Protein backbone atom coordinates (compact mmCIF):
# COMPACT_ATOMS: atom_id res chain seq x y z
CA UNK A 1 -0.06 -0.07 -0.10
CA UNK A 2 2.63 2.27 1.16
CA UNK A 3 4.25 1.70 -2.64
CA UNK A 4 1.17 2.62 -4.24
CA UNK A 5 0.87 5.55 -2.63
CA UNK A 6 4.49 6.73 -3.46
CA UNK A 7 3.99 6.09 -7.37
CA UNK A 8 0.87 8.27 -7.01
CA UNK A 9 2.27 11.43 -5.47
CA UNK A 10 5.34 10.49 -8.38
CA UNK A 11 2.80 11.08 -10.97
CA UNK A 12 1.08 13.67 -9.41
CA UNK A 13 4.29 15.58 -8.91
CA UNK A 14 5.11 15.46 -12.87
CA UNK A 15 1.86 16.09 -13.89
CA UNK A 16 2.08 19.31 -11.55
CA UNK A 17 5.40 19.76 -13.43
CA UNK A 18 3.92 19.34 -17.18
CA UNK A 19 0.31 20.32 -16.63
CA UNK A 20 -1.60 19.65 -20.01
CA UNK A 21 -1.95 22.53 -22.25
CA UNK A 22 -5.69 22.29 -22.99
CA UNK A 23 -5.97 25.68 -23.57
CA UNK A 24 -4.93 26.49 -27.58
CA UNK A 25 -4.18 30.14 -26.73
CA UNK A 26 -1.71 29.60 -23.31
CA UNK A 27 1.18 31.64 -24.16
CA UNK A 28 3.51 28.88 -22.52
CA UNK A 29 2.19 26.40 -24.94
CA UNK A 30 5.26 24.45 -26.56
CA UNK A 31 3.14 24.12 -30.09
CA UNK A 32 3.73 27.57 -31.01
CA UNK A 33 2.13 29.87 -34.35
CA UNK A 34 3.39 31.27 -36.99
CA UNK A 35 1.59 34.03 -39.66
CA UNK A 36 3.03 35.08 -43.08
CA UNK A 37 1.32 36.72 -46.19
CA UNK A 38 1.75 39.62 -48.72
CA UNK A 39 1.36 43.08 -48.56
CA UNK A 40 0.09 45.37 -51.53
CA UNK A 41 -1.52 48.51 -53.09
CA UNK A 42 -2.87 49.75 -55.97
CA UNK A 43 0.44 50.00 -57.49
CA UNK A 44 1.38 46.15 -57.09
CA UNK A 45 3.45 44.58 -54.34
CA UNK A 46 4.85 46.96 -51.20
CA UNK A 47 8.44 45.89 -49.76
CA UNK A 48 10.21 47.35 -47.08
CA UNK A 49 6.34 47.60 -45.34
CA UNK A 50 7.12 47.58 -41.43
CA UNK A 51 4.96 44.81 -40.00
CA UNK A 52 3.72 44.71 -36.58
CA UNK A 53 2.36 42.34 -33.67
CA UNK A 54 1.05 43.78 -30.79
CA UNK A 55 -0.36 42.14 -27.89
CA UNK A 56 -3.66 42.10 -26.11
CA UNK A 57 -2.27 44.72 -23.90
CA UNK A 58 -1.11 46.96 -26.77
CA UNK A 59 2.49 46.21 -26.12
CA UNK A 60 5.11 45.26 -29.10
CA UNK A 61 5.31 41.50 -29.61
CA UNK A 62 7.46 41.19 -32.80
CA UNK A 63 8.32 43.25 -35.93
CA UNK A 64 9.32 42.60 -39.01
CA UNK A 65 9.66 44.18 -42.92
CA UNK A 66 8.38 43.00 -46.39
CA UNK A 67 10.47 41.61 -48.60
CA UNK A 68 11.09 42.69 -52.13
CA UNK A 69 8.32 40.53 -53.26
CA UNK A 70 5.63 41.75 -50.59
CA UNK A 71 6.29 38.66 -48.50
CA UNK A 72 6.61 39.10 -44.44
CA UNK A 73 6.74 35.58 -41.73
CA UNK A 74 6.57 35.47 -38.53
CA UNK A 75 7.20 31.94 -36.80
CA UNK A 76 7.57 30.66 -33.35
CA UNK A 77 4.49 32.94 -32.41
CA UNK A 78 3.42 32.55 -28.56
CA UNK A 79 -0.59 31.20 -29.17
CA UNK A 80 -3.03 34.57 -28.56
CA UNK A 81 -4.80 36.89 -29.85
CA UNK A 82 -3.04 39.69 -31.30
CA UNK A 83 -3.70 43.29 -33.50
CA UNK A 84 -1.87 43.67 -36.69
CA UNK A 85 -0.43 47.04 -37.94
CA UNK A 86 1.15 47.70 -41.41
CA UNK A 87 3.17 50.66 -42.24
CA UNK A 88 3.64 51.19 -45.72
CA UNK A 89 6.71 52.62 -46.80
CA UNK A 90 5.48 56.38 -48.01
CA UNK A 91 3.72 58.08 -44.95
CA UNK A 92 1.09 59.09 -47.20
CA UNK A 93 -0.90 55.90 -47.27
CA UNK A 94 -3.20 55.35 -44.27
CA UNK A 95 -1.76 52.44 -41.69
CA UNK A 96 -3.58 49.35 -41.60
CA UNK A 97 -4.54 48.01 -37.81
CA UNK A 98 -6.07 44.24 -38.16
CA UNK A 99 -7.83 42.75 -34.93
CA UNK A 100 -8.35 40.55 -33.68
CA UNK A 101 -5.98 38.38 -35.29
CA UNK A 102 -6.61 34.90 -33.70
CA UNK A 103 -3.28 32.35 -33.05
CA UNK A 104 -3.93 29.34 -31.57
CA UNK A 105 -1.31 26.81 -30.71
CA UNK A 106 0.21 25.34 -33.68
CA UNK A 107 -1.49 26.73 -36.52
CA UNK A 108 -0.31 28.24 -39.85
CA UNK A 109 -1.94 31.70 -40.64
CA UNK A 110 -2.23 33.59 -43.95
CA UNK A 111 -3.14 36.97 -43.58
CA UNK A 112 -3.17 39.26 -47.05
CA UNK A 113 -2.79 43.47 -46.46
CA UNK A 114 -3.87 45.54 -49.28
CA UNK A 115 -3.51 49.17 -48.66
CA UNK A 116 -6.11 51.23 -50.12
CA UNK A 117 -6.24 54.53 -48.46
CA UNK A 118 -4.02 57.66 -49.12
CA UNK A 119 -4.39 60.83 -47.29
CA UNK A 120 -2.73 63.81 -47.76
CA UNK A 121 -2.41 66.42 -44.78
CA UNK A 122 0.15 68.31 -46.59
CA UNK A 123 2.53 68.34 -43.32
CA UNK A 124 5.69 66.59 -45.16
CA UNK A 125 5.30 69.08 -47.80
CA UNK A 126 7.46 72.25 -47.35
CA UNK A 127 5.82 76.00 -47.47
CA UNK A 128 5.48 76.99 -50.90
CA UNK A 129 5.22 73.68 -52.69
CA UNK A 130 2.96 74.44 -55.33
CA UNK A 131 2.15 70.52 -56.20
CA UNK A 132 2.24 68.26 -53.25
CA UNK A 133 3.07 64.78 -53.62
CA UNK A 134 0.94 63.16 -56.17
CA UNK A 135 -1.21 66.09 -57.02
CA UNK A 136 -0.36 68.21 -59.96
CA UNK A 137 -1.96 71.86 -60.79
CA UNK A 138 -4.00 72.34 -63.80
CA UNK A 139 -5.00 76.22 -63.24
CA UNK A 140 -4.61 78.86 -61.04
CA UNK A 141 -2.22 79.51 -57.90
CA UNK A 142 -1.86 76.58 -55.38
CA UNK A 143 0.51 76.33 -52.70
CA UNK A 144 1.38 74.79 -49.47
CA UNK A 145 0.66 77.42 -46.26
CA UNK A 146 0.66 77.25 -42.62
CA UNK A 147 -2.99 76.95 -41.29
CA UNK A 148 -2.72 76.83 -37.23
CA UNK A 149 -6.37 76.16 -37.59
CA UNK A 150 -6.23 73.25 -39.98
CA UNK A 151 -7.50 69.75 -38.74
CA UNK A 152 -3.79 68.50 -39.38
CA UNK A 153 -1.50 70.66 -38.40
CA UNK A 154 0.83 72.66 -39.28
CA UNK A 155 -0.15 72.98 -43.55
CA UNK A 156 -2.65 73.12 -45.70
CA UNK A 157 -3.02 73.37 -49.41
CA UNK A 158 -4.33 76.40 -50.28
CA UNK A 159 -5.78 77.86 -53.94
CA UNK A 160 -6.24 81.53 -54.42
CA UNK A 161 -7.71 82.45 -58.03
CA UNK A 162 -10.74 83.42 -59.79
CA UNK A 163 -10.08 79.06 -60.90
CA UNK A 164 -8.56 76.81 -59.62
CA UNK A 165 -7.57 72.71 -60.32
CA UNK A 166 -5.04 70.45 -58.60
CA UNK A 167 -5.80 66.67 -59.61
CA UNK A 168 -4.56 63.61 -58.00
CA UNK A 169 -2.19 62.05 -60.41
CA UNK A 170 -3.86 58.49 -60.52
CA UNK A 171 -7.08 58.09 -62.87
CA UNK A 172 -10.05 56.29 -60.89
CA UNK A 173 -13.35 54.48 -60.90
CA UNK A 174 -14.72 52.97 -58.30
CA UNK A 175 -13.25 55.20 -55.20
CA UNK A 176 -14.05 57.51 -52.69
CA UNK A 177 -12.80 61.38 -52.06
CA UNK A 178 -12.80 62.94 -48.78
CA UNK A 179 -11.56 67.04 -47.95
CA UNK A 180 -11.51 69.15 -45.32
CA UNK A 181 -11.83 72.68 -46.54
CA UNK A 182 -12.74 76.27 -45.27
CA UNK A 183 -13.65 79.66 -47.45
CA UNK A 184 -10.86 82.15 -46.03
CA UNK A 185 -11.98 85.03 -48.21
CA UNK A 186 -15.42 86.21 -48.65
CA UNK A 187 -17.94 84.23 -49.14
CA UNK A 188 -20.88 84.34 -51.26
CA UNK A 189 -23.11 82.72 -53.63
CA UNK A 190 -20.34 83.21 -56.37
CA UNK A 191 -17.81 81.64 -54.48
CA UNK A 192 -17.62 77.91 -54.97
CA UNK A 193 -15.38 75.28 -53.93
CA UNK A 194 -15.34 71.45 -53.77
CA UNK A 195 -13.91 68.06 -55.87
CA UNK A 196 -14.30 67.09 -59.77
CA UNK A 197 -15.21 63.29 -60.03
CA UNK A 198 -13.86 61.18 -63.41
CA UNK A 199 -12.90 64.01 -65.51
CA UNK A 200 -11.87 62.98 -68.87
CA UNK A 201 -10.83 66.75 -70.12
CA UNK A 202 -11.54 69.98 -69.48
CA UNK A 203 -14.84 70.04 -70.93
CA UNK A 204 -16.42 66.51 -69.39
CA UNK A 205 -16.13 65.93 -65.54
CA UNK A 206 -18.80 65.30 -62.82
CA UNK A 207 -18.01 68.01 -59.91
CA UNK A 208 -19.75 68.60 -56.45
CA UNK A 209 -19.35 71.78 -55.51
CA UNK A 210 -20.11 74.06 -52.18
CA UNK A 211 -21.53 77.68 -51.96
CA UNK A 212 -23.02 79.96 -49.70
CA UNK A 213 -26.53 78.44 -49.03
CA UNK A 214 -26.56 75.12 -51.57
CA UNK A 215 -24.43 71.47 -52.26
CA UNK A 216 -24.65 70.93 -55.86
CA UNK A 217 -23.69 67.55 -57.72
CA UNK A 218 -23.16 68.58 -61.38
CA UNK A 219 -22.24 67.10 -64.74
CA UNK A 220 -20.35 69.22 -67.63
CA UNK A 221 -20.54 67.24 -70.89
CA UNK A 222 -19.04 68.93 -73.93
CA UNK A 223 -18.62 72.25 -71.97
CA UNK A 224 -22.47 72.53 -71.11
CA UNK A 225 -23.32 71.92 -67.25
CA UNK A 226 -26.36 70.13 -66.56
CA UNK A 227 -27.74 70.14 -62.32
CA UNK A 228 -27.67 66.51 -61.29
CA UNK A 229 -29.18 67.95 -57.97
CA UNK A 230 -29.17 70.31 -56.13
CA UNK A 231 -29.75 70.76 -51.96
CA UNK A 232 -29.15 73.67 -49.46
CA UNK A 233 -26.46 73.89 -47.46
CA UNK A 234 -25.19 76.08 -44.30
CA UNK A 235 -21.50 77.34 -44.59
CA UNK A 236 -19.66 80.08 -43.03
CA UNK A 237 -16.54 81.84 -44.07
CA UNK A 238 -13.35 80.28 -41.78
CA UNK A 239 -15.52 77.17 -40.83
CA UNK A 240 -13.73 73.99 -41.54
CA UNK A 241 -15.67 71.37 -42.82
CA UNK A 242 -15.65 68.04 -44.60
CA UNK A 243 -16.94 67.22 -48.08
CA UNK A 244 -16.91 63.37 -48.60
CA UNK A 245 -18.28 61.48 -52.04
CA UNK A 246 -18.14 57.61 -52.76
CA UNK A 247 -18.34 56.71 -55.92
CA UNK A 248 -19.44 52.82 -56.77
CA UNK A 249 -19.34 52.83 -60.68
CA UNK A 250 -22.54 54.97 -61.90
CA UNK A 251 -23.58 55.36 -57.70
CA UNK A 252 -22.68 58.80 -56.29
CA UNK A 253 -23.21 59.44 -52.80
CA UNK A 254 -22.37 62.91 -51.47
CA UNK A 255 -21.75 63.54 -47.35
CA UNK A 256 -21.21 66.71 -45.82
CA UNK A 257 -20.51 67.36 -42.33
CA UNK A 258 -21.08 63.35 -41.86
CA UNK A 259 -24.72 63.62 -42.98
CA UNK A 260 -25.70 62.09 -46.64
CA UNK A 261 -26.84 64.54 -48.77
CA UNK A 262 -27.61 63.55 -52.60
CA UNK A 263 -27.09 60.20 -54.08
CA UNK A 264 -27.63 59.55 -57.68
CA UNK A 265 -26.89 57.20 -60.61
CA UNK A 266 -25.42 58.57 -63.79
CA UNK A 267 -23.12 56.58 -66.12
CA UNK A 268 -21.92 59.35 -68.36
CA UNK A 269 -18.28 58.81 -67.44
CA UNK A 270 -16.17 55.84 -66.49
CA UNK A 271 -12.68 56.09 -65.65
CA UNK A 272 -10.87 59.44 -64.98
CA UNK A 273 -9.30 61.77 -62.61
CA UNK A 274 -10.37 63.33 -59.22
CA UNK A 275 -8.71 66.78 -57.30
CA UNK A 276 -9.81 69.81 -55.68
CA UNK A 277 -11.43 72.69 -57.55
CA UNK A 278 -11.91 76.05 -56.96
CA UNK A 279 -14.38 78.76 -58.59
CA UNK A 280 -15.77 82.65 -58.24
CA UNK A 281 -18.16 83.56 -61.14
CA UNK A 282 -16.42 87.23 -61.43
CA UNK A 283 -13.94 88.87 -59.79
CA UNK A 284 -12.07 89.30 -57.30
CA UNK A 285 -9.79 85.95 -56.47
CA UNK A 286 -11.03 83.25 -53.88
CA UNK A 287 -8.90 81.54 -51.00
CA UNK A 288 -9.34 78.25 -50.03
CA UNK A 289 -8.03 75.98 -47.80
CA UNK A 290 -7.49 72.22 -47.80
CA UNK A 291 -6.77 69.65 -45.48
CA UNK A 292 -6.90 65.91 -45.19
CA UNK A 293 -7.23 64.98 -48.55
CA UNK A 294 -8.33 61.35 -48.53
CA UNK A 295 -8.73 58.91 -51.36
CA UNK A 296 -9.80 55.41 -51.07
CA UNK A 297 -9.00 53.26 -54.36
């Protein structure tokens, strides 16, 4: 009997030294996990993107960089639930935050990331720059300036002209564009600002314009303007506002300060350019500041 008791105690001791790993998320589980995948953007594979794994307590667990083919790999990860942060080499791409990423013991997961959102706050551009990264000035006088009231300080992209147009360099079809803007100069019904959409050339494009009292969605075809929809809208001088346009093929949703104002269908134009637009029907010039220009592709 005494011998049996000793054997039982010995078994119990070893069991306590090496308890069963029933919890597949036990970080001490000897069966580790792995994570791999590819990083892409509209331009293709992204090399040297930085990938971070954070614990549930938001502490850095590990980090790595994508290789020339856009591939990244983590091996021997302690089982657990993590968040994954991915940073493009260009500061204009919005970081990707993925949560939760569950990595049970012994699993090998694949997770691909696609950068689709770029934000231009012009803070990385020098004051006086006329064409910030990925923008081309088509008409009017544009320059990066200081503005301590900007949503993203310290810089804005200012247009000071009777007519101004600055285009994003890439052609788009289904996309979204969001802007923060304010009228610096006097605001009246003749003063307008907004965005152009699916621009084919100087005579064919859509436009969303904001002026004192109205928000309008128009089509310019062969130089002739047709109002697709117009709604009342309140805006003040020196007041920052947000305009967002979501374009899905021929469906246009237009938001102002977070509220859906216009939703219309029109299939006149396909792939084209988008950008920032300022106009006043007659002198003097108009001054408008733009910030946080966001483009999702």
